[in-house]
Protein backbone atom coordinates (compact mmCIF):
# COMPACT_ATOMS: atom_id res chain seq x y z
CA UNK A 1 294.99 151.61 52.64
CA UNK A 2 297.87 150.15 50.63
CA UNK A 3 296.92 146.54 51.36
CA UNK A 4 294.40 144.47 49.43
CA UNK A 5 291.04 143.90 51.07
CA UNK A 6 288.41 141.23 50.71
CA UNK A 7 286.85 143.36 47.96
CA UNK A 8 290.00 143.09 45.83
CA UNK A 9 290.00 139.32 45.26
CA UNK A 10 287.55 136.70 44.01
CA UNK A 11 286.09 134.89 47.03
CA UNK A 12 282.86 133.55 45.53
CA UNK A 13 282.12 130.01 46.68
CA UNK A 14 285.46 129.62 48.47
CA UNK A 15 286.28 128.50 51.99
CA UNK A 16 287.57 131.59 53.78
CA UNK A 17 289.48 131.62 57.06
CA UNK A 18 288.70 134.88 58.88
CA UNK A 19 290.77 136.01 61.85
CA UNK A 20 288.43 137.98 64.09
CA UNK A 21 289.00 139.39 67.56
CA UNK A 22 286.33 137.92 69.81
CA UNK A 23 288.34 138.53 72.96
CA UNK A 24 285.26 139.73 74.81
CA UNK A 25 284.17 139.70 78.47
CA UNK A 26 282.20 136.62 79.53
CA UNK A 27 280.47 136.23 82.90
CA UNK A 28 278.38 133.21 83.89
CA UNK A 29 278.48 132.01 80.30
CA UNK A 30 277.11 135.29 78.92
CA UNK A 31 278.93 137.68 76.60
CA UNK A 32 279.10 141.26 77.87
CA UNK A 33 280.38 143.93 75.49
CA UNK A 34 279.53 142.99 71.88
CA UNK A 35 281.41 145.83 70.12
CA UNK A 36 284.07 143.53 68.66
CA UNK A 37 281.53 140.96 67.52
CA UNK A 38 279.44 143.54 65.72
CA UNK A 39 282.55 145.10 64.19
CA UNK A 40 283.25 141.84 62.33
CA UNK A 41 279.78 141.49 60.85
CA UNK A 42 280.35 143.63 57.74
CA UNK A 43 283.08 141.27 56.52
CA UNK A 44 281.13 138.17 57.52
CA UNK A 45 278.01 139.30 55.67
CA UNK A 46 280.07 140.25 52.61
CA UNK A 47 281.45 136.71 52.45
CA UNK A 48 278.17 134.94 53.18
CA UNK A 49 276.47 136.89 50.40
CA UNK A 50 279.04 135.36 48.04
CA UNK A 51 278.29 131.78 49.13
CA UNK A 52 281.56 131.38 50.98
CA UNK A 53 282.16 128.87 53.72
CA UNK A 54 283.18 131.27 56.49
CA UNK A 55 285.49 129.84 59.15
CA UNK A 56 286.16 132.20 62.06
CA UNK A 57 289.21 131.95 64.32
CA UNK A 58 289.96 133.99 67.44
CA UNK A 59 291.64 134.00 70.81
CA UNK A 60 289.99 134.69 74.15
CA UNK A 61 291.82 135.62 77.34
CA UNK A 62 295.07 134.02 78.49
CA UNK A 63 294.55 130.27 78.90
CA UNK A 64 298.35 129.72 78.93
CA UNK A 65 298.49 127.34 75.99
CA UNK A 66 296.08 124.66 77.18
CA UNK A 67 292.31 124.04 77.04
CA UNK A 68 290.36 125.79 79.78
CA UNK A 69 286.52 125.89 79.77
CA UNK A 70 286.66 129.38 81.28
CA UNK A 71 288.09 130.66 78.00
CA UNK A 72 285.95 128.67 75.58
CA UNK A 73 284.53 130.57 72.62
CA UNK A 74 281.34 128.48 72.61
CA UNK A 75 279.25 131.22 74.34
CA UNK A 76 280.58 133.67 71.76
CA UNK A 77 279.25 131.49 68.93
CA UNK A 78 275.81 131.54 70.55
CA UNK A 79 275.89 135.34 70.97
CA UNK A 80 277.09 135.90 67.41
CA UNK A 81 274.27 133.70 66.12
CA UNK A 82 271.75 135.73 68.12
CA UNK A 83 273.09 139.06 66.84
CA UNK A 84 273.39 137.90 63.22
CA UNK A 85 270.04 136.12 63.22
CA UNK A 86 271.51 132.96 61.67
CA UNK A 87 273.23 129.76 62.87
CA UNK A 88 276.87 129.84 63.85
CA UNK A 89 278.32 126.35 64.10
CA UNK A 90 281.05 125.62 66.64
CA UNK A 91 284.03 123.26 66.64
CA UNK A 92 285.73 122.13 69.84
CA UNK A 93 289.22 122.71 68.43
CA UNK A 94 290.83 125.05 65.93
CA UNK A 95 293.08 122.45 64.27
CA UNK A 96 293.07 118.68 63.91
CA UNK A 97 290.40 116.14 62.90
CA UNK A 98 287.44 117.83 64.64
CA UNK A 99 288.12 121.22 63.08
CA UNK A 100 288.72 119.68 59.66
CA UNK A 101 285.51 117.63 59.84
CA UNK A 102 283.41 120.65 60.84
CA UNK A 103 284.84 122.72 57.97
CA UNK A 104 284.10 119.94 55.48
CA UNK A 105 280.55 119.61 56.83
CA UNK A 106 279.90 123.34 56.42
CA UNK A 107 277.61 124.30 53.54
CA UNK A 108 278.25 127.25 51.20
CA UNK A 109 276.89 130.33 52.95
CA UNK A 110 277.53 128.66 56.31
CA UNK A 111 279.34 130.10 59.31
CA UNK A 112 281.64 128.25 61.73
CA UNK A 113 283.58 129.46 64.78
CA UNK A 114 286.56 127.37 65.88
CA UNK A 115 287.70 127.01 69.49
CA UNK A 116 290.20 129.35 71.14
CA UNK A 117 293.50 129.59 69.28
CA UNK A 118 295.39 130.09 72.53
CA UNK A 119 294.48 126.62 73.75
CA UNK A 120 297.61 125.80 71.71
CA UNK A 121 300.96 127.35 72.77
CA UNK A 122 302.00 127.31 69.12
CA UNK A 123 299.64 130.21 68.39
CA UNK A 124 301.53 132.90 70.32
CA UNK A 125 304.86 131.33 69.31
CA UNK A 126 303.94 131.84 65.63
CA UNK A 127 304.78 128.19 65.07
CA UNK A 128 305.12 127.38 61.37
CA UNK A 129 303.48 123.94 61.63
CA UNK A 130 300.49 125.34 63.51
CA UNK A 131 300.11 128.09 60.90
CA UNK A 132 300.12 125.47 58.14
CA UNK A 133 297.38 123.52 59.91
CA UNK A 134 295.22 126.63 60.11
CA UNK A 135 295.89 127.48 56.48
CA UNK A 136 294.96 123.93 55.47
CA UNK A 137 291.37 124.61 56.49
CA UNK A 138 290.70 127.19 53.78
CA UNK A 139 291.50 128.68 50.38
CA UNK A 140 291.67 132.36 51.36
CA UNK A 141 292.72 134.19 54.53
CA UNK A 142 291.12 137.42 55.74
CA UNK A 143 292.48 139.35 58.72
CA UNK A 144 289.68 141.34 60.33
CA UNK A 145 291.10 141.31 63.86
CA UNK A 146 292.42 144.84 64.19
CA UNK A 147 292.82 144.50 67.96
CA UNK A 148 295.32 141.66 67.37
CA UNK A 149 296.97 142.88 64.18
CA UNK A 150 299.99 144.25 66.07
CA UNK A 151 300.83 140.71 67.30
CA UNK A 152 303.12 138.41 65.30
CA UNK A 153 301.21 135.19 66.01
CA UNK A 154 300.49 132.13 63.87
CA UNK A 155 296.95 133.28 63.13
CA UNK A 156 297.93 136.85 62.23
CA UNK A 157 301.27 136.42 60.46
CA UNK A 158 302.11 132.75 59.96
CA UNK A 159 298.95 131.71 58.14
CA UNK A 160 299.34 134.62 55.70
CA UNK A 161 302.45 132.91 54.32
CA UNK A 162 300.35 130.01 53.00
CA UNK A 163 297.16 131.55 51.59
CA UNK A 164 296.12 134.62 49.59
CA UNK A 165 295.89 137.04 52.52
CA UNK A 166 293.84 140.24 52.57
CA UNK A 167 292.32 142.67 55.06
CA UNK A 168 288.73 142.58 56.22
CA UNK A 169 286.43 145.58 56.13
CA UNK A 170 286.92 146.37 59.84
CA UNK A 171 290.71 146.44 59.51
CA UNK A 172 290.39 148.62 56.41
CA UNK A 173 288.17 151.10 58.25
CA UNK A 174 290.41 151.17 61.34
CA UNK A 175 293.58 151.82 59.36
CA UNK A 176 292.03 154.36 57.00
CA UNK A 177 290.39 156.27 59.87
CA UNK A 178 293.31 156.44 62.31
CA UNK A 179 296.15 156.76 59.82
CA UNK A 180 294.04 159.07 57.64
CA UNK A 181 293.34 161.38 60.56
CA UNK A 182 297.08 161.85 61.07
CA UNK A 183 298.07 162.11 57.42
CA UNK A 184 295.08 163.98 55.92
CA UNK A 185 293.24 165.67 58.81
CA UNK A 186 290.68 168.40 58.86
CA UNK A 187 292.47 170.99 60.96
CA UNK A 188 292.93 171.93 63.68
CA UNK A 189 294.16 168.45 64.52
CA UNK A 190 294.21 167.82 68.25
CA UNK A 191 295.24 164.77 70.24
CA UNK A 192 294.46 163.89 73.83
CA UNK A 193 296.75 161.30 75.39
CA UNK A 194 296.20 160.01 78.90
CA UNK A 195 297.21 157.00 80.92
CA UNK A 196 299.66 156.20 83.65
CA UNK A 197 303.14 156.23 82.14
CA UNK A 198 305.12 158.34 79.71
CA UNK A 199 307.39 155.33 79.13
CA UNK A 200 304.61 153.38 77.36
CA UNK A 201 303.71 156.27 75.05
CA UNK A 202 307.07 157.63 73.90
CA UNK A 203 306.74 156.61 70.25
CA UNK A 204 303.14 157.83 70.15
CA UNK A 205 304.11 161.20 71.61
CA UNK A 206 307.03 161.60 69.22
CA UNK A 207 304.83 160.89 66.18
CA UNK A 208 301.96 163.08 67.34
CA UNK A 209 304.12 166.07 68.25
CA UNK A 210 305.30 166.19 64.64
CA UNK A 211 301.77 166.04 63.20
CA UNK A 212 299.16 167.66 65.46
CA UNK A 213 298.33 171.29 66.16
CA UNK A 214 297.69 170.69 69.86
CA UNK A 215 298.36 167.85 72.26
CA UNK A 216 296.77 167.58 75.69
CA UNK A 217 298.55 165.35 78.19
CA UNK A 218 296.42 163.91 81.00
CA UNK A 219 296.38 161.04 83.45
CA UNK A 220 299.28 160.21 85.71
CA UNK A 221 301.69 160.67 82.81
CA UNK A 222 300.96 164.43 82.99
CA UNK A 223 302.63 164.46 86.42
CA UNK A 224 306.01 163.72 84.86
CA UNK A 225 305.53 166.67 82.48
CA UNK A 226 304.50 168.93 85.36
CA UNK A 227 307.59 168.00 87.38
CA UNK A 228 309.76 168.66 84.31
CA UNK A 229 308.20 172.13 84.13
CA UNK A 230 309.02 172.79 87.78
CA UNK A 231 305.62 172.16 89.38
CA UNK A 232 305.05 170.23 92.59
CA UNK A 233 302.90 167.07 92.34
CA UNK A 234 302.85 166.11 96.04
CA UNK A 235 302.61 162.34 96.53
CA UNK A 236 301.44 161.73 92.96
CA UNK A 237 303.17 159.09 90.89
CA UNK A 238 305.60 160.26 88.23
CA UNK A 239 308.55 158.79 86.29
CA UNK A 240 311.74 160.39 87.54
CA UNK A 241 313.82 158.45 85.00
CA UNK A 242 311.86 159.97 82.08
CA UNK A 243 312.23 163.64 82.99
CA UNK A 244 315.01 164.07 80.42
CA UNK A 245 312.81 162.62 77.67
CA UNK A 246 309.95 164.93 78.68
CA UNK A 247 312.26 167.94 78.43
CA UNK A 248 313.17 166.82 74.92
CA UNK A 249 309.49 166.34 74.02
CA UNK A 250 308.67 169.84 75.25
CA UNK A 251 311.51 171.24 73.14
CA UNK A 252 310.36 169.25 70.10
CA UNK A 253 306.81 170.57 70.48
CA UNK A 254 308.11 174.13 70.69
CA UNK A 255 310.23 173.64 67.58
CA UNK A 256 307.32 172.06 65.66
CA UNK A 257 304.90 174.80 66.68
CA UNK A 258 302.70 172.25 68.47
CA UNK A 259 300.75 173.49 71.49
CA UNK A 260 301.57 170.93 74.17
CA UNK A 261 298.89 171.43 76.79
CA UNK A 262 299.33 170.38 80.41
CA UNK A 263 296.69 170.60 83.15
CA UNK A 264 295.87 174.13 84.32
CA UNK A 265 293.93 172.78 87.27
CA UNK A 266 293.72 169.36 88.88
CA UNK A 267 291.59 167.40 91.30
CA UNK A 268 293.58 166.37 94.36
CA UNK A 269 292.85 163.92 97.17
CA UNK A 270 294.63 162.44 100.17
CA UNK A 271 293.94 158.80 99.26
CA UNK A 272 292.82 156.70 96.30
CA UNK A 273 289.88 154.45 97.10
CA UNK A 274 286.09 154.49 96.78
CA UNK A 275 285.68 156.55 99.94
CA UNK A 276 288.11 159.25 98.77
CA UNK A 277 286.99 162.81 98.16
CA UNK A 278 288.69 165.37 95.96
CA UNK A 279 288.66 169.07 95.19
CA UNK A 280 289.98 171.21 92.35
CA UNK A 281 293.03 173.40 92.75
CA UNK A 282 295.16 175.45 90.42
CA UNK A 283 298.14 173.38 89.31
CA UNK A 284 300.45 175.65 91.29
CA UNK A 285 298.41 174.93 94.43
CA UNK A 286 299.25 171.24 94.84
CA UNK A 287 300.42 170.62 98.41
CA UNK A 288 303.05 168.09 99.61
CA UNK A 289 300.44 165.56 100.82
CA UNK A 290 298.18 165.84 97.76
CA UNK A 291 297.63 163.11 95.18
CA UNK A 292 296.55 164.28 91.72
CA UNK A 293 293.58 162.14 90.68
CA UNK A 294 292.00 164.00 87.74
CA UNK A 295 292.19 167.12 85.60
CA UNK A 296 290.02 170.12 86.43
CA UNK A 297 287.32 171.95 84.44
CA UNK A 298 289.57 174.80 83.21
CA UNK A 299 291.87 172.24 81.59
CA UNK A 300 288.98 170.66 79.68
CA UNK A 301 287.60 174.02 78.57
CA UNK A 302 290.96 175.03 77.12
CA UNK A 303 291.35 171.69 75.32
CA UNK A 304 287.90 171.90 73.74
CA UNK A 305 288.06 175.55 72.67
CA UNK A 306 289.73 175.10 69.24
CA UNK A 307 287.39 172.20 68.41
CA UNK A 308 284.07 173.94 68.98
CA UNK A 309 283.51 174.66 65.29
CA UNK A 310 285.51 172.06 63.36
CA UNK A 311 288.69 170.02 63.24
CA UNK A 312 289.76 166.50 64.16
CA UNK A 313 290.56 165.05 67.55
CA UNK A 314 292.10 161.70 68.49
CA UNK A 315 291.73 160.56 72.09
CA UNK A 316 293.50 157.67 73.78
CA UNK A 317 293.73 157.24 77.54
CA UNK A 318 291.59 158.46 80.45
CA UNK A 319 292.55 161.78 82.04
CA UNK A 320 292.17 160.66 85.65
CA UNK A 321 291.64 157.62 87.83
CA UNK A 322 288.44 157.00 85.89
CA UNK A 323 287.67 153.62 87.45
CA UNK A 324 286.62 155.64 90.51
CA UNK A 325 283.53 157.71 89.58
CA UNK A 326 284.58 160.70 91.69
CA UNK A 327 287.77 161.00 89.63
CA UNK A 328 286.18 160.45 86.21
CA UNK A 329 284.69 163.95 85.89
CA UNK A 330 287.48 165.28 83.68
CA UNK A 331 287.25 162.38 81.23
CA UNK A 332 283.45 162.62 81.22
CA UNK A 333 283.51 166.37 80.58
CA UNK A 334 285.92 165.87 77.70
CA UNK A 335 283.77 163.06 76.27
CA UNK A 336 280.61 165.14 76.42
CA UNK A 337 282.35 168.18 74.98
CA UNK A 338 283.76 166.21 72.06
CA UNK A 339 280.44 164.45 71.46
CA UNK A 340 278.67 167.79 71.10
CA UNK A 341 281.37 169.46 69.00
CA UNK A 342 281.53 169.67 65.21
CA UNK A 343 284.96 168.08 65.14
CA UNK A 344 285.58 164.64 63.71
CA UNK A 345 286.06 162.56 66.86
CA UNK A 346 288.16 159.39 67.00
CA UNK A 347 288.59 157.26 70.13
CA UNK A 348 291.62 154.98 70.16
CA UNK A 349 290.10 151.87 71.73
CA UNK A 350 291.06 150.12 74.97
CA UNK A 351 290.15 151.77 78.28
CA UNK A 352 288.97 154.92 76.51
CA UNK A 353 286.48 153.01 74.37
CA UNK A 354 285.22 151.17 77.45
CA UNK A 355 284.79 154.50 79.24
CA UNK A 356 282.85 155.98 76.30
CA UNK A 357 280.60 152.93 76.17
CA UNK A 358 279.92 153.01 79.92
CA UNK A 359 279.00 156.70 79.61
CA UNK A 360 276.47 155.88 76.88
CA UNK A 361 278.27 158.10 74.36
CA UNK A 362 279.56 155.54 71.86
CA UNK A 363 277.14 156.49 69.08
CA UNK A 364 277.94 160.18 69.42
CA UNK A 365 281.55 159.72 68.34
CA UNK A 366 282.51 159.43 64.69
CA UNK A 367 284.75 156.44 65.28
CA UNK A 368 285.55 154.23 68.26
CA UNK A 369 288.39 151.80 67.61
CA UNK A 370 288.14 148.13 68.57
CA UNK A 371 291.85 147.94 69.33
CA UNK A 372 293.75 149.58 72.18
CA UNK A 373 297.34 148.46 71.63
CA UNK A 374 296.95 148.28 67.86
CA UNK A 375 295.54 151.79 67.61
CA UNK A 376 298.38 153.12 69.77
CA UNK A 377 300.99 151.48 67.57
CA UNK A 378 299.28 152.85 64.47
CA UNK A 379 299.34 156.32 66.06
CA UNK A 380 303.03 155.80 66.72
CA UNK A 381 303.62 155.17 63.02
CA UNK A 382 304.84 151.64 63.67
CA UNK A 383 304.61 148.70 61.28
CA UNK A 384 301.85 146.30 62.38
CA UNK A 385 303.04 142.72 61.72
CA UNK A 386 299.61 141.34 60.81
CA UNK A 387 299.03 144.18 58.38
CA UNK A 388 302.48 143.90 56.84
CA UNK A 389 301.83 140.20 56.10
CA UNK A 390 298.88 140.96 53.80
CA UNK A 391 299.02 141.34 50.01
CA UNK A 392 299.94 144.78 48.69
CA UNK A 393 297.58 146.58 46.31
CA UNK A 394 300.36 147.62 43.97
């Protein structure tokens, strides 16, 4: 990574403001998925071992710029303390007298979590005054919130204008893994991109087509590609206004020598709900009343074939309507196949990471990103504002 990390500066004994992403599910006051909490612990432990005062800041949910107990980070402080095996103090605000007093009270080697940044509308507005207040709490800023690093907010961009600003160990690993897989892969390099819409993945597709050896398109976005190739998709959703782009993408893949793989077989149904039933058909056998709900087994077998022995694969986006178990078979078959392959396997966060976790396969992948939108933008080759704001190594 070209940006400085927490290892590149002297932090010993200093008060360090650490932007983490603790935007985690909470039900009845209990934290559900702890992946993002645990992802931050390497940086936190690094700082605590150097007698820093560690002040954590994060957002949670969408409280619309005002305090809301439903989105309080207090339960997160309790869960983090349990997982770390040490106290995590909590302040009822992230700026102002209470936050300042709690920071001053913190002992070297102590850990403090401040209340939800988004209780203040100035956070998402990247308000300069709010950023100065946050910066006034510390001597050094560390961004370890990869899942929020693509947002230009006060806590990700603004505060970096006022303090020495470096990346945390999680951000370093995320960037090096995802960007490294595209720039210095072990080949064959394959990508699997799913999801609902081509329109949300155009920049990702353009960047991947130029870099990968094969690209499998799944999910509802594959329907638009199938229509562009002259196939019938029945009553399935597709983006008529993006057919021209898809034709261009197909031509680009052909010119680049990239194998752009579309479903060979699909699972079709007549309705989409929990009572629905589906069956596999060849892609040319989709009838006018059919709805495509998943990819079929032949499609998965073809996608996995070049990765049986080695290579690298990046996966972002389910291949079917995976929230319904009967239409998650394609995604599950792909997950199991990748988990048992010798390829380096990288999951691009978001819904795909949640699916992998629910399937109990998280530990069988080489890397599962903590950031959905951020990993997509990194795959698209875009500049991430929070990353750009940090100090350069050169």
